[in-house]
Protein backbone atom coordinates (compact mmCIF):
# COMPACT_ATOMS: atom_id res chain seq x y z
CA UNK A 1 -16.11 -4.54 8.12
CA UNK A 2 -14.36 -6.21 10.36
CA UNK A 3 -10.47 -5.93 11.15
CA UNK A 4 -8.93 -8.00 8.38
CA UNK A 5 -6.37 -10.80 9.89
CA UNK A 6 -6.40 -14.55 8.34
CA UNK A 7 -6.16 -17.24 11.11
CA UNK A 8 -3.94 -19.64 9.00
CA UNK A 9 -0.07 -19.86 9.32
CA UNK A 10 1.66 -17.64 6.64
CA UNK A 11 -0.86 -15.69 5.58
CA UNK A 12 0.75 -12.53 6.06
CA UNK A 13 0.40 -11.55 2.59
CA UNK A 14 -2.67 -11.77 2.13
CA UNK A 15 -3.48 -9.98 4.64
CA UNK A 16 -1.05 -7.20 3.36
CA UNK A 17 -2.98 -7.97 -0.22
CA UNK A 18 -7.07 -7.71 1.57
CA UNK A 19 -5.79 -3.70 3.12
CA UNK A 20 -4.43 -2.67 -0.15
CA UNK A 21 -7.34 -3.57 -2.04
CA UNK A 22 -9.36 -2.15 0.15
CA UNK A 23 -7.21 1.70 -0.29
CA UNK A 24 -9.64 3.98 -2.49
CA UNK A 25 -8.85 5.82 -5.87
CA UNK A 26 -7.09 9.27 -5.28
CA UNK A 27 -5.31 7.73 -1.51
CA UNK A 28 -2.58 6.11 0.04
CA UNK A 29 -1.06 4.69 2.75
CA UNK A 30 2.38 3.57 3.86
CA UNK A 31 4.26 0.30 4.69
CA UNK A 32 4.36 1.33 8.10
CA UNK A 33 0.55 2.35 8.69
CA UNK A 34 -0.69 -1.69 7.16
CA UNK A 35 2.12 -3.23 9.72
CA UNK A 36 0.86 -0.95 12.33
CA UNK A 37 -3.46 -2.01 11.13
CA UNK A 38 -2.37 -5.37 11.08
CA UNK A 39 -0.70 -5.44 14.95
CA UNK A 40 2.86 -6.32 13.70
CA UNK A 41 4.03 -2.28 13.71
CA UNK A 42 7.62 -3.29 13.30
CA UNK A 43 6.68 -5.35 9.88
CA UNK A 44 7.27 -2.88 7.41
CA UNK A 45 9.17 -3.84 5.54
CA UNK A 46 7.75 -7.53 5.42
CA UNK A 47 4.58 -5.24 4.37
CA UNK A 48 7.60 -4.27 1.29
CA UNK A 49 7.91 -7.49 0.16
CA UNK A 50 4.65 -8.04 -0.18
CA UNK A 51 3.78 -5.69 -2.53
CA UNK A 52 6.58 -6.91 -4.27
CA UNK A 53 5.41 -9.86 -4.21
CA UNK A 54 1.96 -8.24 -5.29
CA UNK A 55 3.58 -8.36 -8.79
CA UNK A 56 3.02 -12.09 -9.59
CA UNK A 57 0.06 -12.44 -7.88
CA UNK A 58 -3.48 -13.46 -9.81
CA UNK A 59 -5.42 -10.47 -8.13
CA UNK A 60 -5.39 -7.33 -8.69
CA UNK A 61 -3.92 -5.49 -6.23
CA UNK A 62 -3.29 -1.91 -5.68
CA UNK A 63 0.35 -2.05 -5.04
CA UNK A 64 1.31 1.88 -6.39
CA UNK A 65 -0.94 2.98 -3.39
CA UNK A 66 1.28 1.87 -1.37
CA UNK A 67 4.39 4.24 -0.34
CA UNK A 68 7.44 5.17 2.07
CA UNK A 69 5.48 7.32 5.08
CA UNK A 70 7.00 10.09 3.56
CA UNK A 71 5.01 9.54 0.48
CA UNK A 72 7.73 9.17 -1.73
CA UNK A 73 8.01 5.78 -4.11
CA UNK A 74 10.20 4.27 -3.11
CA UNK A 75 8.81 0.29 -4.19
CA UNK A 76 8.85 2.47 -7.81
CA UNK A 77 11.54 -0.32 -9.29
CA UNK A 78 9.97 -2.86 -8.44
CA UNK A 79 6.93 -2.19 -10.76
CA UNK A 80 7.51 -3.02 -14.88
CA UNK A 81 8.61 0.53 -15.78
CA UNK A 82 10.83 2.46 -13.61
CA UNK A 83 7.46 5.01 -14.73
CA UNK A 84 4.84 2.74 -13.96
CA UNK A 85 4.43 3.36 -10.36
CA UNK A 86 3.76 7.29 -11.25
CA UNK A 87 1.17 6.78 -13.96
CA UNK A 88 -1.26 4.40 -11.90
CA UNK A 89 -1.44 6.70 -9.45
CA UNK A 90 -1.45 9.82 -11.58
CA UNK A 91 -4.32 7.82 -13.22
CA UNK A 92 -5.44 7.67 -9.80
CA UNK A 93 -6.04 11.24 -9.50
CA UNK A 94 -3.08 12.08 -7.19
CA UNK A 95 -0.05 14.67 -8.47
CA UNK A 96 3.65 13.08 -7.94
CA UNK A 97 6.63 15.49 -8.30
CA UNK A 98 9.89 14.21 -7.86
CA UNK A 99 8.68 10.89 -6.83
CA UNK A 100 7.05 11.94 -4.19
CA UNK A 101 2.83 12.20 -3.62
CA UNK A 102 1.36 15.92 -3.32
CA UNK A 103 0.00 16.62 -0.66
CA UNK A 104 0.58 13.39 0.86
CA UNK A 105 -1.30 13.96 4.33
CA UNK A 106 -4.47 15.38 2.90
CA UNK A 107 -3.96 11.82 0.68
CA UNK A 108 -2.98 9.43 2.94
CA UNK A 109 -5.33 6.38 4.17
CA UNK A 110 -4.37 5.37 7.59
CA UNK A 111 -6.48 1.22 7.73
CA UNK A 112 -6.59 1.90 11.83
CA UNK A 113 -9.02 4.76 10.63
CA UNK A 114 -11.01 3.71 8.13
CA UNK A 115 -11.53 -0.01 8.34
CA UNK A 116 -13.64 -0.55 11.61
CA UNK A 117 -12.46 -2.80 13.74
């Protein structure tokens, strides 16, 4: 698989969406890991904005699979209900306790390692 980076201007959200669509069921990644993979290490917050925007996209983006660097569901308030993110992660086979992915280190999917450059 080739590195995902759109050449068009203003396509950062599309790049983020392309990465997020590759996260397998049962795995999660972080905003920072996506930003780092896209070559914009300091733009983790923009990745969060992209995840918020993903809810209005016509594409199916598994935004629930993106959490903070500690495995916490910090984006849960952007879902339709306060529990939807956790419910979707549970459907993915993950365990969530106190708004944090259990066994986060082993469930972490790093696009810089998993996606062939």
